[in-house]
Amino acid sequence: NTGGYGDWFLPSKDELAIMLSNILSEGNFTYWYYVTSSEIGDKVWCIDKYGDQYNYFPKTYSNFRVRAVRVF
């Protein structure tokens, strides 16, 4: 819970790509890769802060950055 809301979730790789393309200059995206909720086997898709490069990493990798979102 943050900001009085408890319905935050991790966006899919496509949702995050759209978000990055629309609010990059306003969203304070400072780290290179952000984790998404999209999975492939035992790995998770990540997307770079410009929204144009995808990569996947093991779920056990612990240095992910996240951008939780809400439906509004």
C-alpha atoms as a PDB file:
ATOM      1  CA  ASN A   1       0.000   0.000   0.000  1.00  0.00           C
ATOM      2  CA  THR A   2       1.199   3.466  -0.832  1.00  0.00           C
ATOM      3  CA  GLY A   3      -0.557   6.756  -1.414  1.00  0.00           C
ATOM      4  CA  GLY A   4      -3.691   5.295   0.157  1.00  0.00           C
ATOM      5  CA  TYR A   5      -4.048   2.620  -2.540  1.00  0.00           C
ATOM      6  CA  GLY A   6      -3.476  -1.110  -2.380  1.00  0.00           C
ATOM      7  CA  ASP A   7      -4.168  -2.096  -5.979  1.00  0.00           C
ATOM      8  CA  TRP A   8      -0.691  -1.584  -7.451  1.00  0.00           C
ATOM      9  CA  PHE A   9       0.705  -4.188  -9.848  1.00  0.00           C
ATOM     10  CA  LEU A  10       3.666  -4.764 -12.163  1.00  0.00           C
ATOM     11  CA  PRO A  11       2.819  -3.969 -15.785  1.00  0.00           C
ATOM     12  CA  SER A  12       3.391  -6.463 -18.577  1.00  0.00           C
ATOM     13  CA  LYS A  13       6.275  -5.808 -20.965  1.00  0.00           C
ATOM     14  CA  ASP A  14       3.882  -4.296 -23.523  1.00  0.00           C
ATOM     15  CA  GLU A  15       2.167  -2.074 -20.931  1.00  0.00           C
ATOM     16  CA  LEU A  16       5.507  -0.830 -19.621  1.00  0.00           C
ATOM     17  CA  ALA A  17       6.759  -0.131 -23.158  1.00  0.00           C
ATOM     18  CA  ILE A  18       3.705   2.049 -23.786  1.00  0.00           C
ATOM     19  CA  MET A  19       4.154   3.794 -20.466  1.00  0.00           C
ATOM     20  CA  LEU A  20       7.824   4.485 -21.188  1.00  0.00           C
ATOM     21  CA  SER A  21       7.089   5.891 -24.634  1.00  0.00           C
ATOM     22  CA  ASN A  22       4.436   8.222 -23.230  1.00  0.00           C
ATOM     23  CA  ILE A  23       5.994   9.508 -20.014  1.00  0.00           C
ATOM     24  CA  LEU A  24       9.756   8.989 -20.251  1.00  0.00           C
ATOM     25  CA  SER A  25      10.560  12.646 -19.717  1.00  0.00           C
ATOM     26  CA  GLU A  26       8.171  12.945 -16.770  1.00  0.00           C
ATOM     27  CA  GLY A  27       8.458   9.534 -15.162  1.00  0.00           C
ATOM     28  CA  ASN A  28      11.929   9.811 -13.594  1.00  0.00           C
ATOM     29  CA  PHE A  29      13.145   6.578 -15.163  1.00  0.00           C
ATOM     30  CA  THR A  30      16.767   6.625 -14.092  1.00  0.00           C
ATOM     31  CA  TYR A  31      17.848   2.988 -14.115  1.00  0.00           C
ATOM     32  CA  TRP A  32      18.609   0.981 -17.206  1.00  0.00           C
ATOM     33  CA  TYR A  33      16.257  -2.028 -16.947  1.00  0.00           C
ATOM     34  CA  TYR A  34      12.872  -2.368 -15.268  1.00  0.00           C
ATOM     35  CA  VAL A  35      11.240  -5.719 -14.513  1.00  0.00           C
ATOM     36  CA  THR A  36       7.778  -6.557 -15.853  1.00  0.00           C
ATOM     37  CA  SER A  37       5.174  -9.154 -14.929  1.00  0.00           C
ATOM     38  CA  SER A  38       5.788 -10.993 -18.230  1.00  0.00           C
ATOM     39  CA  GLU A  39       7.504 -14.321 -17.706  1.00  0.00           C
ATOM     40  CA  ILE A  40       9.156 -16.900 -19.906  1.00  0.00           C
ATOM     41  CA  GLY A  41       9.835 -20.121 -18.022  1.00  0.00           C
ATOM     42  CA  ASP A  42      11.953 -19.372 -14.981  1.00  0.00           C
ATOM     43  CA  LYS A  43      12.900 -15.924 -16.319  1.00  0.00           C
ATOM     44  CA  VAL A  44      11.245 -12.536 -16.288  1.00  0.00           C
ATOM     45  CA  TRP A  45      11.186  -9.948 -19.085  1.00  0.00           C
ATOM     46  CA  CYS A  46      12.807  -6.588 -18.460  1.00  0.00           C
ATOM     47  CA  ILE A  47      12.711  -3.482 -20.605  1.00  0.00           C
ATOM     48  CA  ASP A  48      15.198  -0.647 -20.854  1.00  0.00           C
ATOM     49  CA  LYS A  49      14.251   2.874 -19.806  1.00  0.00           C
ATOM     50  CA  TYR A  50      13.786   3.968 -23.430  1.00  0.00           C
ATOM     51  CA  GLY A  51      11.230   1.235 -24.094  1.00  0.00           C
ATOM     52  CA  ASP A  52      13.034  -0.167 -27.104  1.00  0.00           C
ATOM     53  CA  GLN A  53      15.199  -2.978 -25.759  1.00  0.00           C
ATOM     54  CA  TYR A  54      13.985  -6.142 -24.033  1.00  0.00           C
ATOM     55  CA  ASN A  55      15.955  -8.749 -22.188  1.00  0.00           C
ATOM     56  CA  TYR A  56      15.085 -11.492 -19.753  1.00  0.00           C
ATOM     57  CA  PHE A  57      16.784 -12.492 -16.553  1.00  0.00           C
ATOM     58  CA  PRO A  58      16.406 -15.311 -14.022  1.00  0.00           C
ATOM     59  CA  LYS A  59      13.715 -14.602 -11.430  1.00  0.00           C
ATOM     60  CA  THR A  60      16.336 -15.146  -8.740  1.00  0.00           C
ATOM     61  CA  TYR A  61      18.307 -12.084  -9.893  1.00  0.00           C
ATOM     62  CA  SER A  62      17.819  -9.598  -7.066  1.00  0.00           C
ATOM     63  CA  ASN A  63      18.879  -6.272  -8.575  1.00  0.00           C
ATOM     64  CA  PHE A  64      15.647  -5.419 -10.419  1.00  0.00           C
ATOM     65  CA  ARG A  65      14.016  -2.008 -10.497  1.00  0.00           C
ATOM     66  CA  VAL A  66      10.228  -1.858 -10.671  1.00  0.00           C
ATOM     67  CA  ARG A  67       7.570   0.656 -11.735  1.00  0.00           C
ATOM     68  CA  ALA A  68       4.299  -0.366 -10.155  1.00  0.00           C
ATOM     69  CA  VAL A  69       1.133   0.962 -11.787  1.00  0.00           C
ATOM     70  CA  ARG A  70      -2.579   1.306 -11.053  1.00  0.00           C
ATOM     71  CA  VAL A  71      -5.568   1.236 -13.353  1.00  0.00           C
ATOM     72  CA  PHE A  72      -7.299   4.600 -13.326  1.00  0.00           C
END
